[in-house]
Each structure stands twice: as C-alpha cells, then as structure tokens.
C-alpha cells in the first residue's frame, strides 16, 4: 500500500495544493497528516482536494481544535490527539507530532523505535525530513509542507517494502 505523509502545513495553501496533486497523481490509498494544520481552512482544502482518506493527529500549534474537528467530521477525516497507534495495511504505525524542542522530539522517537513495538514511527514538529531505521523500525518525518526552516516536502510510504521517499514541493 502507498500512503502519503504530510506534516506542518502551517496554513501555506499553495503547498497544500501541490501536495494534494502529488498524492492524487500517485494514487495514494491513505494520507497521514502529522499535525500543525493550524487553521481549519487548511484541513478543509486538503480534504476537498485529495482522493484518499485522511488520518491525522493534532499538533502543538493546532489551537482551533473544535474547528478542525468539525471540518474533520464533515469530510470524513479521522482526526485525534497525539500519540496514535494504528494498524494499516498489515503494519503497526505510531503517529506523533512531537513534544518540546526538535532534539527532545527526535530523542523520544528514537527511544520508542528501540522498543520494536511498531513497524514505523511517523513524526513531525521538527520541520526537518528524516528517513532512518532503528532496530528494524522505520522512522519517518516528511519534513514540513509549509516551507518553514527547511524546503517544503512530503513523503510517500510503501508499506509492502517498509520504505519511504521524500518529495520536495
């Protein structure tokens, strides 16, 4: 299964549009958003443009939670607080946005990977792309789709091969 992974859109609608087109062009079956949509209109734009079902978590900058949850309900987006463990395509995934500093977030994610409880840990928050493996667990940060601090990017996750690739927006 091919899954689109996006994070930290931060209301930059032009990149949300680009990401939506890429996800549609490659026919992802699901899209995972790892938080920091910021405003409900960003989630609405993404949900209205993509052909795949969206599964998401809230990030530290998602202050308008009721608005985001309302949009999620209207567009059949599965949106909850972090962390979130889910089984998808026969794989066990852990979704986290992040906590504290980028260094704290990476330390937490890599420590969780040590447990081998998940096939992949997907995270955001740092805005920095990361594809690595720790004790057989895929660690994936798609970077940020808002173009803040680093070039804007998303990722594609192939659950059959447990491999990911980054795509610059």
N, C-alpha and C. Protein backbone atom coordinates (compact mmCIF):
# COMPACT_ATOMS: atom_id res chain seq x y z
N UNK A 1 0.84 -1.18 0.00
CA UNK A 1 0.00 0.00 0.00
C UNK A 1 0.89 1.24 0.00
N UNK A 2 0.45 2.25 -0.73
CA UNK A 2 1.17 3.52 -0.78
C UNK A 2 0.39 4.55 0.04
N UNK A 3 1.09 5.17 0.99
CA UNK A 3 0.49 6.15 1.89
C UNK A 3 1.22 7.48 1.72
N UNK A 4 0.46 8.55 1.59
CA UNK A 4 1.04 9.88 1.57
C UNK A 4 1.19 10.38 2.99
N UNK A 5 2.32 11.00 3.29
CA UNK A 5 2.59 11.51 4.64
C UNK A 5 2.94 12.99 4.53
N UNK A 6 2.25 13.80 5.35
CA UNK A 6 2.42 15.25 5.33
C UNK A 6 2.38 15.76 6.76
N UNK A 7 3.06 16.86 7.00
CA UNK A 7 3.07 17.44 8.34
C UNK A 7 3.34 18.93 8.25
N UNK A 8 2.99 19.63 9.31
CA UNK A 8 3.35 21.02 9.48
C UNK A 8 3.03 21.88 8.25
N UNK A 9 1.77 21.84 7.84
CA UNK A 9 1.33 22.64 6.69
C UNK A 9 1.27 24.12 7.02
N UNK A 10 1.01 24.47 8.26
CA UNK A 10 1.06 25.85 8.74
C UNK A 10 0.36 26.85 7.83
N UNK A 11 -0.80 26.47 7.32
CA UNK A 11 -1.66 27.36 6.52
C UNK A 11 -1.05 27.83 5.21
N UNK A 12 -0.02 27.19 4.71
CA UNK A 12 0.56 27.59 3.42
C UNK A 12 -0.19 26.82 2.33
N UNK A 13 -1.26 27.44 1.84
CA UNK A 13 -2.20 26.75 0.97
C UNK A 13 -1.61 26.36 -0.38
N UNK A 14 -0.67 27.13 -0.90
CA UNK A 14 -0.08 26.77 -2.19
C UNK A 14 0.64 25.42 -2.11
N UNK A 15 1.30 25.15 -0.99
CA UNK A 15 1.98 23.85 -0.84
C UNK A 15 0.98 22.73 -0.55
N UNK A 16 -0.10 23.05 0.13
CA UNK A 16 -1.16 22.05 0.35
C UNK A 16 -1.73 21.63 -1.00
N UNK A 17 -1.94 22.58 -1.89
CA UNK A 17 -2.43 22.29 -3.25
C UNK A 17 -1.43 21.39 -3.99
N UNK A 18 -0.14 21.72 -3.92
CA UNK A 18 0.88 20.91 -4.61
C UNK A 18 0.92 19.49 -4.04
N UNK A 19 0.88 19.39 -2.72
CA UNK A 19 0.90 18.06 -2.10
C UNK A 19 -0.32 17.25 -2.50
N UNK A 20 -1.48 17.89 -2.53
CA UNK A 20 -2.71 17.20 -2.92
C UNK A 20 -2.60 16.64 -4.32
N UNK A 21 -2.06 17.43 -5.24
CA UNK A 21 -1.91 16.97 -6.63
C UNK A 21 -0.97 15.77 -6.70
N UNK A 22 0.14 15.82 -5.99
CA UNK A 22 1.08 14.70 -5.99
C UNK A 22 0.42 13.45 -5.43
N UNK A 23 -0.26 13.58 -4.29
CA UNK A 23 -0.93 12.42 -3.70
C UNK A 23 -1.95 11.82 -4.66
N UNK A 24 -2.70 12.66 -5.36
CA UNK A 24 -3.67 12.16 -6.33
C UNK A 24 -2.98 11.51 -7.53
N UNK A 25 -1.92 12.14 -8.03
CA UNK A 25 -1.21 11.63 -9.21
C UNK A 25 -0.61 10.25 -8.98
N UNK A 26 -0.14 9.97 -7.76
CA UNK A 26 0.47 8.66 -7.48
C UNK A 26 -0.53 7.68 -6.86
N UNK A 27 -1.77 8.11 -6.70
CA UNK A 27 -2.85 7.25 -6.20
C UNK A 27 -2.59 6.66 -4.83
N UNK A 28 -2.25 7.52 -3.87
CA UNK A 28 -2.09 7.01 -2.51
C UNK A 28 -3.44 6.51 -2.01
N UNK A 29 -3.42 5.50 -1.16
CA UNK A 29 -4.67 4.95 -0.62
C UNK A 29 -5.10 5.67 0.65
N UNK A 30 -4.14 6.17 1.40
CA UNK A 30 -4.41 6.95 2.61
C UNK A 30 -3.44 8.11 2.64
N UNK A 31 -3.83 9.15 3.36
CA UNK A 31 -2.92 10.26 3.65
C UNK A 31 -2.88 10.38 5.17
N UNK A 32 -1.68 10.45 5.70
CA UNK A 32 -1.49 10.67 7.13
C UNK A 32 -0.95 12.07 7.31
N UNK A 33 -1.67 12.88 8.09
CA UNK A 33 -1.20 14.23 8.43
C UNK A 33 -0.77 14.21 9.88
N UNK A 34 0.46 14.64 10.13
CA UNK A 34 1.07 14.54 11.45
C UNK A 34 0.97 15.82 12.28
N UNK A 35 0.00 16.67 11.98
CA UNK A 35 -0.29 17.81 12.83
C UNK A 35 0.30 19.12 12.39
N UNK A 36 -0.17 20.18 13.05
CA UNK A 36 0.10 21.57 12.73
C UNK A 36 -0.47 21.96 11.37
N UNK A 37 -1.77 21.71 11.24
CA UNK A 37 -2.53 22.24 10.11
C UNK A 37 -2.58 23.76 10.29
N UNK A 38 -2.85 24.18 11.49
CA UNK A 38 -3.06 25.50 12.07
C UNK A 38 -4.55 25.84 11.99
N UNK A 39 -5.04 26.35 10.88
CA UNK A 39 -6.45 26.76 10.80
C UNK A 39 -7.30 25.68 10.13
N UNK A 40 -8.58 25.63 10.48
CA UNK A 40 -9.48 24.65 9.87
C UNK A 40 -9.55 24.74 8.34
N UNK A 41 -9.38 25.94 7.78
CA UNK A 41 -9.47 26.05 6.32
C UNK A 41 -8.36 25.27 5.62
N UNK A 42 -7.24 25.06 6.28
CA UNK A 42 -6.16 24.27 5.68
C UNK A 42 -6.56 22.81 5.57
N UNK A 43 -7.15 22.26 6.63
CA UNK A 43 -7.64 20.88 6.58
C UNK A 43 -8.76 20.75 5.55
N UNK A 44 -9.65 21.74 5.50
CA UNK A 44 -10.74 21.70 4.52
C UNK A 44 -10.19 21.65 3.10
N UNK A 45 -9.19 22.47 2.80
CA UNK A 45 -8.60 22.48 1.47
C UNK A 45 -8.01 21.11 1.14
N UNK A 46 -7.21 20.57 2.04
CA UNK A 46 -6.60 19.26 1.81
C UNK A 46 -7.67 18.20 1.59
N UNK A 47 -8.65 18.15 2.48
CA UNK A 47 -9.69 17.12 2.40
C UNK A 47 -10.53 17.24 1.14
N UNK A 48 -10.72 18.45 0.65
CA UNK A 48 -11.55 18.65 -0.54
C UNK A 48 -10.79 18.36 -1.83
N UNK A 49 -9.47 18.33 -1.77
CA UNK A 49 -8.66 18.15 -2.99
C UNK A 49 -8.16 16.72 -3.22
N UNK A 50 -8.08 15.91 -2.16
CA UNK A 50 -7.48 14.59 -2.32
C UNK A 50 -8.53 13.51 -2.51
N UNK A 51 -8.10 12.44 -3.16
CA UNK A 51 -8.99 11.31 -3.43
C UNK A 51 -8.89 10.23 -2.35
N UNK A 52 -7.95 10.34 -1.46
CA UNK A 52 -7.71 9.32 -0.44
C UNK A 52 -8.27 9.77 0.90
N UNK A 53 -8.50 8.79 1.75
CA UNK A 53 -8.97 9.09 3.11
C UNK A 53 -7.82 9.63 3.94
N UNK A 54 -8.11 10.61 4.79
CA UNK A 54 -7.09 11.25 5.62
C UNK A 54 -7.22 10.74 7.06
N UNK A 55 -6.08 10.37 7.61
CA UNK A 55 -5.96 10.01 9.02
C UNK A 55 -4.99 11.03 9.62
N UNK A 56 -5.35 11.63 10.73
CA UNK A 56 -4.48 12.67 11.25
C UNK A 56 -4.43 12.74 12.76
N UNK A 57 -3.44 13.49 13.21
CA UNK A 57 -3.31 13.83 14.62
C UNK A 57 -3.16 15.35 14.71
N UNK A 58 -3.41 15.87 15.89
CA UNK A 58 -3.27 17.29 16.13
C UNK A 58 -1.86 17.61 16.60
N UNK A 59 -1.37 18.78 16.23
CA UNK A 59 -0.04 19.22 16.64
C UNK A 59 -0.11 20.31 17.70
N UNK A 60 1.04 20.73 18.16
CA UNK A 60 1.11 21.72 19.24
C UNK A 60 0.59 23.09 18.83
N UNK A 61 0.56 23.41 17.55
CA UNK A 61 0.07 24.71 17.10
C UNK A 61 -1.38 24.68 16.61
N UNK A 62 -2.04 23.55 16.75
CA UNK A 62 -3.43 23.43 16.32
C UNK A 62 -4.35 23.88 17.45
N UNK A 63 -4.43 25.19 17.64
CA UNK A 63 -5.20 25.76 18.74
C UNK A 63 -6.70 25.75 18.52
N UNK A 64 -7.12 25.78 17.28
CA UNK A 64 -8.55 25.82 16.98
C UNK A 64 -9.08 24.39 16.78
N UNK A 65 -8.96 23.61 17.84
CA UNK A 65 -9.28 22.19 17.77
C UNK A 65 -10.74 21.92 17.41
N UNK A 66 -11.66 22.67 17.98
CA UNK A 66 -13.07 22.43 17.67
C UNK A 66 -13.37 22.66 16.20
N UNK A 67 -12.79 23.69 15.63
CA UNK A 67 -12.96 23.95 14.21
C UNK A 67 -12.35 22.86 13.35
N UNK A 68 -11.16 22.41 13.73
CA UNK A 68 -10.52 21.31 12.99
C UNK A 68 -11.34 20.03 13.09
N UNK A 69 -11.83 19.72 14.29
CA UNK A 69 -12.64 18.51 14.46
C UNK A 69 -13.95 18.60 13.70
N UNK A 70 -14.52 19.79 13.60
CA UNK A 70 -15.75 19.98 12.82
C UNK A 70 -15.50 19.72 11.33
N UNK A 71 -14.42 20.29 10.79
CA UNK A 71 -14.06 20.04 9.39
C UNK A 71 -13.78 18.56 9.19
N UNK A 72 -13.07 17.96 10.12
CA UNK A 72 -12.76 16.52 10.03
C UNK A 72 -14.05 15.71 9.94
N UNK A 73 -15.00 16.02 10.76
CA UNK A 73 -16.28 15.31 10.76
C UNK A 73 -17.01 15.49 9.42
N UNK A 74 -17.00 16.70 8.90
CA UNK A 74 -17.70 16.99 7.64
C UNK A 74 -17.06 16.30 6.43
N UNK A 75 -15.76 16.04 6.49
CA UNK A 75 -15.04 15.45 5.36
C UNK A 75 -14.58 14.02 5.62
N UNK A 76 -15.10 13.39 6.65
CA UNK A 76 -14.74 12.01 6.97
C UNK A 76 -13.23 11.83 7.19
N UNK A 77 -12.63 12.82 7.84
CA UNK A 77 -11.23 12.75 8.22
C UNK A 77 -11.17 12.17 9.63
N UNK A 78 -10.30 11.21 9.83
CA UNK A 78 -10.14 10.57 11.13
C UNK A 78 -9.05 11.33 11.89
N UNK A 79 -9.46 12.26 12.77
CA UNK A 79 -8.53 13.16 13.43
C UNK A 79 -8.65 13.04 14.94
N UNK A 80 -7.49 12.82 15.61
CA UNK A 80 -7.45 12.68 17.07
C UNK A 80 -6.19 13.35 17.62
N UNK A 81 -6.11 13.41 18.94
CA UNK A 81 -4.90 13.90 19.61
C UNK A 81 -3.76 12.90 19.41
N UNK A 82 -2.54 13.39 19.57
CA UNK A 82 -1.37 12.51 19.54
C UNK A 82 -1.14 11.91 20.92
N UNK A 83 -0.40 10.86 21.05
CA UNK A 83 0.08 9.93 20.03
C UNK A 83 -1.04 9.01 19.57
N UNK A 84 -0.82 8.36 18.48
CA UNK A 84 -1.83 7.47 17.93
C UNK A 84 -1.15 6.24 17.35
N UNK A 85 -1.58 5.08 17.81
CA UNK A 85 -1.10 3.81 17.27
C UNK A 85 -2.20 3.25 16.39
N UNK A 86 -1.83 2.78 15.20
CA UNK A 86 -2.85 2.21 14.32
C UNK A 86 -2.27 1.10 13.47
N UNK A 87 -3.15 0.21 13.08
CA UNK A 87 -2.80 -0.86 12.16
C UNK A 87 -3.33 -0.49 10.80
N UNK A 88 -2.45 -0.49 9.81
CA UNK A 88 -2.82 -0.10 8.45
C UNK A 88 -2.01 -0.95 7.49
N UNK A 89 -2.71 -1.60 6.59
CA UNK A 89 -2.06 -2.45 5.58
C UNK A 89 -1.18 -3.52 6.21
N UNK A 90 -1.64 -4.06 7.34
CA UNK A 90 -0.89 -5.11 8.00
C UNK A 90 0.36 -4.63 8.72
N UNK A 91 0.47 -3.33 8.88
CA UNK A 91 1.63 -2.75 9.57
C UNK A 91 1.15 -1.97 10.79
N UNK A 92 1.96 -1.98 11.81
CA UNK A 92 1.64 -1.24 13.03
C UNK A 92 2.42 0.07 12.99
N UNK A 93 1.70 1.18 13.00
CA UNK A 93 2.29 2.51 12.89
C UNK A 93 2.02 3.31 14.15
N UNK A 94 3.00 4.11 14.55
CA UNK A 94 2.82 5.06 15.63
C UNK A 94 2.94 6.45 15.04
N UNK A 95 1.93 7.28 15.30
CA UNK A 95 1.93 8.66 14.81
C UNK A 95 2.12 9.60 15.99
N UNK A 96 3.11 10.45 15.91
CA UNK A 96 3.30 11.50 16.90
C UNK A 96 3.61 12.80 16.16
N UNK A 97 3.17 13.90 16.74
CA UNK A 97 3.57 15.18 16.16
C UNK A 97 4.95 15.52 16.71
N UNK A 98 5.04 15.67 18.00
CA UNK A 98 6.31 15.99 18.65
C UNK A 98 6.05 16.72 19.94
N UNK A 99 7.09 16.83 20.75
CA UNK A 99 7.00 17.43 22.06
C UNK A 99 8.26 18.24 22.34
N UNK A 100 8.10 19.47 22.78
CA UNK A 100 9.26 20.26 23.18
C UNK A 100 10.14 20.63 22.01
N UNK A 101 11.43 20.62 22.24
CA UNK A 101 12.39 21.02 21.21
C UNK A 101 12.51 19.94 20.14
N UNK A 102 13.07 20.30 18.98
CA UNK A 102 13.33 19.28 17.96
C UNK A 102 14.20 18.14 18.49
N UNK A 103 15.19 18.47 19.31
CA UNK A 103 16.07 17.45 19.87
C UNK A 103 15.29 16.51 20.80
N UNK A 104 14.41 17.07 21.62
CA UNK A 104 13.59 16.25 22.51
C UNK A 104 12.69 15.31 21.71
N UNK A 105 12.12 15.84 20.63
CA UNK A 105 11.23 15.02 19.80
C UNK A 105 12.00 13.87 19.16
N UNK A 106 13.15 14.17 18.57
CA UNK A 106 13.95 13.10 17.95
C UNK A 106 14.37 12.06 18.99
N UNK A 107 14.78 12.50 20.17
CA UNK A 107 15.20 11.57 21.22
C UNK A 107 14.05 10.65 21.61
N UNK A 108 12.86 11.20 21.75
CA UNK A 108 11.69 10.41 22.09
C UNK A 108 11.37 9.39 20.99
N UNK A 109 11.36 9.84 19.76
CA UNK A 109 11.04 8.96 18.64
C UNK A 109 12.04 7.81 18.53
N UNK A 110 13.31 8.12 18.64
CA UNK A 110 14.32 7.07 18.53
C UNK A 110 14.27 6.11 19.72
N UNK A 111 13.93 6.61 20.89
CA UNK A 111 13.76 5.73 22.05
C UNK A 111 12.56 4.80 21.85
N UNK A 112 11.48 5.33 21.31
CA UNK A 112 10.30 4.49 21.04
C UNK A 112 10.63 3.42 19.99
N UNK A 113 11.43 3.76 19.01
CA UNK A 113 11.81 2.79 17.99
C UNK A 113 12.60 1.63 18.58
N UNK A 114 13.36 1.89 19.62
CA UNK A 114 14.13 0.84 20.30
C UNK A 114 13.23 -0.29 20.80
N UNK A 115 11.98 0.03 21.10
CA UNK A 115 11.07 -0.98 21.66
C UNK A 115 10.64 -2.03 20.64
N UNK A 116 10.76 -1.72 19.37
CA UNK A 116 10.34 -2.63 18.28
C UNK A 116 8.84 -2.94 18.32
N UNK A 117 8.05 -2.10 18.96
CA UNK A 117 6.60 -2.33 19.05
C UNK A 117 5.87 -1.93 17.78
N UNK A 118 6.50 -1.08 16.95
CA UNK A 118 5.86 -0.59 15.74
C UNK A 118 6.76 -0.88 14.54
N UNK A 119 6.11 -1.07 13.39
CA UNK A 119 6.87 -1.23 12.15
C UNK A 119 7.44 0.11 11.70
N UNK A 120 6.71 1.18 12.01
CA UNK A 120 7.17 2.52 11.64
C UNK A 120 6.67 3.53 12.66
N UNK A 121 7.50 4.54 12.90
CA UNK A 121 7.11 5.68 13.72
C UNK A 121 7.19 6.90 12.82
N UNK A 122 6.05 7.58 12.68
CA UNK A 122 5.95 8.76 11.85
C UNK A 122 5.82 9.97 12.76
N UNK A 123 6.60 11.00 12.51
CA UNK A 123 6.55 12.18 13.36
C UNK A 123 6.75 13.45 12.55
N UNK A 124 6.38 14.56 13.15
CA UNK A 124 6.53 15.88 12.55
C UNK A 124 7.27 16.80 13.50
N UNK A 125 6.77 18.04 13.61
CA UNK A 125 7.19 19.02 14.60
C UNK A 125 8.56 19.66 14.34
N UNK A 126 9.55 18.90 13.96
CA UNK A 126 10.91 19.44 13.80
C UNK A 126 11.07 20.20 12.49
N UNK A 127 10.19 19.94 11.53
CA UNK A 127 10.22 20.50 10.18
C UNK A 127 11.34 19.93 9.34
N UNK A 128 12.17 19.10 9.91
CA UNK A 128 13.33 18.54 9.20
C UNK A 128 13.03 17.11 8.75
N UNK A 129 13.19 16.84 7.44
CA UNK A 129 12.94 15.47 6.96
C UNK A 129 13.88 14.46 7.61
N UNK A 130 13.36 13.25 7.79
CA UNK A 130 14.15 12.18 8.41
C UNK A 130 13.60 10.85 7.92
N UNK A 131 14.43 10.08 7.27
CA UNK A 131 14.12 8.69 6.94
C UNK A 131 15.28 7.87 7.45
N UNK A 132 15.01 7.05 8.45
CA UNK A 132 16.07 6.21 9.02
C UNK A 132 15.44 4.96 9.61
N UNK A 133 16.29 4.07 10.06
CA UNK A 133 15.84 2.82 10.67
C UNK A 133 16.57 2.64 12.00
N UNK A 134 15.85 2.16 12.98
CA UNK A 134 16.43 1.86 14.29
C UNK A 134 15.90 0.48 14.69
N UNK A 135 16.77 -0.48 14.79
CA UNK A 135 16.41 -1.85 15.18
C UNK A 135 15.27 -2.40 14.32
N UNK A 136 15.30 -2.08 13.02
CA UNK A 136 14.30 -2.59 12.08
C UNK A 136 13.03 -1.76 11.99
N UNK A 137 12.93 -0.72 12.79
CA UNK A 137 11.76 0.16 12.75
C UNK A 137 12.05 1.35 11.85
N UNK A 138 11.16 1.60 10.89
CA UNK A 138 11.29 2.77 10.03
C UNK A 138 10.90 4.01 10.83
N UNK A 139 11.74 5.02 10.77
CA UNK A 139 11.45 6.32 11.38
C UNK A 139 11.31 7.31 10.23
N UNK A 140 10.14 7.99 10.20
CA UNK A 140 9.85 8.88 9.07
C UNK A 140 9.31 10.21 9.55
N UNK A 141 9.98 11.26 9.15
CA UNK A 141 9.47 12.63 9.28
C UNK A 141 9.45 13.17 7.86
N UNK A 142 8.26 13.55 7.34
CA UNK A 142 8.18 14.02 5.96
C UNK A 142 8.72 15.44 5.76
N UNK A 143 9.22 16.03 6.83
CA UNK A 143 9.62 17.43 6.76
C UNK A 143 8.39 18.29 6.97
N UNK A 144 8.39 19.46 6.41
CA UNK A 144 7.24 20.34 6.59
C UNK A 144 6.69 20.78 5.25
N UNK A 145 5.38 20.81 5.16
CA UNK A 145 4.72 21.23 3.93
C UNK A 145 4.38 22.72 3.97
N UNK A 146 5.00 23.43 4.88
CA UNK A 146 4.79 24.87 4.97
C UNK A 146 6.00 25.68 4.52
N UNK A 147 7.11 25.00 4.28
CA UNK A 147 8.32 25.69 3.83
C UNK A 147 8.97 26.54 4.91
N UNK A 148 8.80 26.14 6.17
CA UNK A 148 9.36 26.90 7.29
C UNK A 148 10.63 26.22 7.80
N UNK A 149 11.72 26.93 7.83
CA UNK A 149 13.05 26.48 8.27
C UNK A 149 13.77 25.61 7.25
N UNK A 150 13.04 24.73 6.57
CA UNK A 150 13.62 23.83 5.56
C UNK A 150 12.76 23.90 4.31
N UNK A 151 13.26 23.35 3.22
CA UNK A 151 12.47 23.31 1.99
C UNK A 151 11.21 22.49 2.24
N UNK A 152 10.10 22.89 1.62
CA UNK A 152 8.85 22.16 1.84
C UNK A 152 8.92 20.76 1.22
N UNK A 153 8.40 19.78 1.97
CA UNK A 153 8.44 18.40 1.48
C UNK A 153 7.31 17.58 2.08
N UNK A 154 7.05 16.47 1.42
CA UNK A 154 6.11 15.44 1.87
C UNK A 154 6.82 14.10 1.68
N UNK A 155 6.15 13.02 2.04
CA UNK A 155 6.77 11.70 1.86
C UNK A 155 5.73 10.71 1.35
N UNK A 156 6.23 9.67 0.71
CA UNK A 156 5.42 8.52 0.32
C UNK A 156 5.96 7.32 1.08
N UNK A 157 5.06 6.59 1.71
CA UNK A 157 5.42 5.40 2.48
C UNK A 157 4.86 4.17 1.78
N UNK A 158 5.73 3.25 1.42
CA UNK A 158 5.35 1.98 0.81
C UNK A 158 5.34 0.93 1.92
N UNK A 159 4.15 0.51 2.33
CA UNK A 159 4.05 -0.43 3.45
C UNK A 159 4.45 -1.85 3.07
N UNK A 160 4.47 -2.18 1.79
CA UNK A 160 4.92 -3.51 1.39
C UNK A 160 6.42 -3.67 1.62
N UNK A 161 7.18 -2.65 1.28
CA UNK A 161 8.63 -2.68 1.43
C UNK A 161 9.11 -2.00 2.71
N UNK A 162 8.20 -1.35 3.42
CA UNK A 162 8.54 -0.52 4.60
C UNK A 162 9.70 0.41 4.25
N UNK A 163 9.45 1.17 3.18
CA UNK A 163 10.43 2.15 2.70
C UNK A 163 9.68 3.45 2.40
N UNK A 164 10.39 4.54 2.50
CA UNK A 164 9.79 5.84 2.25
C UNK A 164 10.70 6.67 1.36
N UNK A 165 10.09 7.64 0.69
CA UNK A 165 10.89 8.59 -0.08
C UNK A 165 10.29 9.98 0.09
N UNK A 166 11.17 10.96 0.09
CA UNK A 166 10.76 12.35 0.22
C UNK A 166 10.50 12.96 -1.13
N UNK A 167 9.56 13.89 -1.18
CA UNK A 167 9.27 14.64 -2.39
C UNK A 167 9.26 16.12 -2.01
N UNK A 168 10.11 16.88 -2.66
CA UNK A 168 10.15 18.32 -2.42
C UNK A 168 8.98 18.98 -3.16
N UNK A 169 8.35 19.91 -2.49
CA UNK A 169 7.22 20.62 -3.10
C UNK A 169 7.70 21.83 -3.89
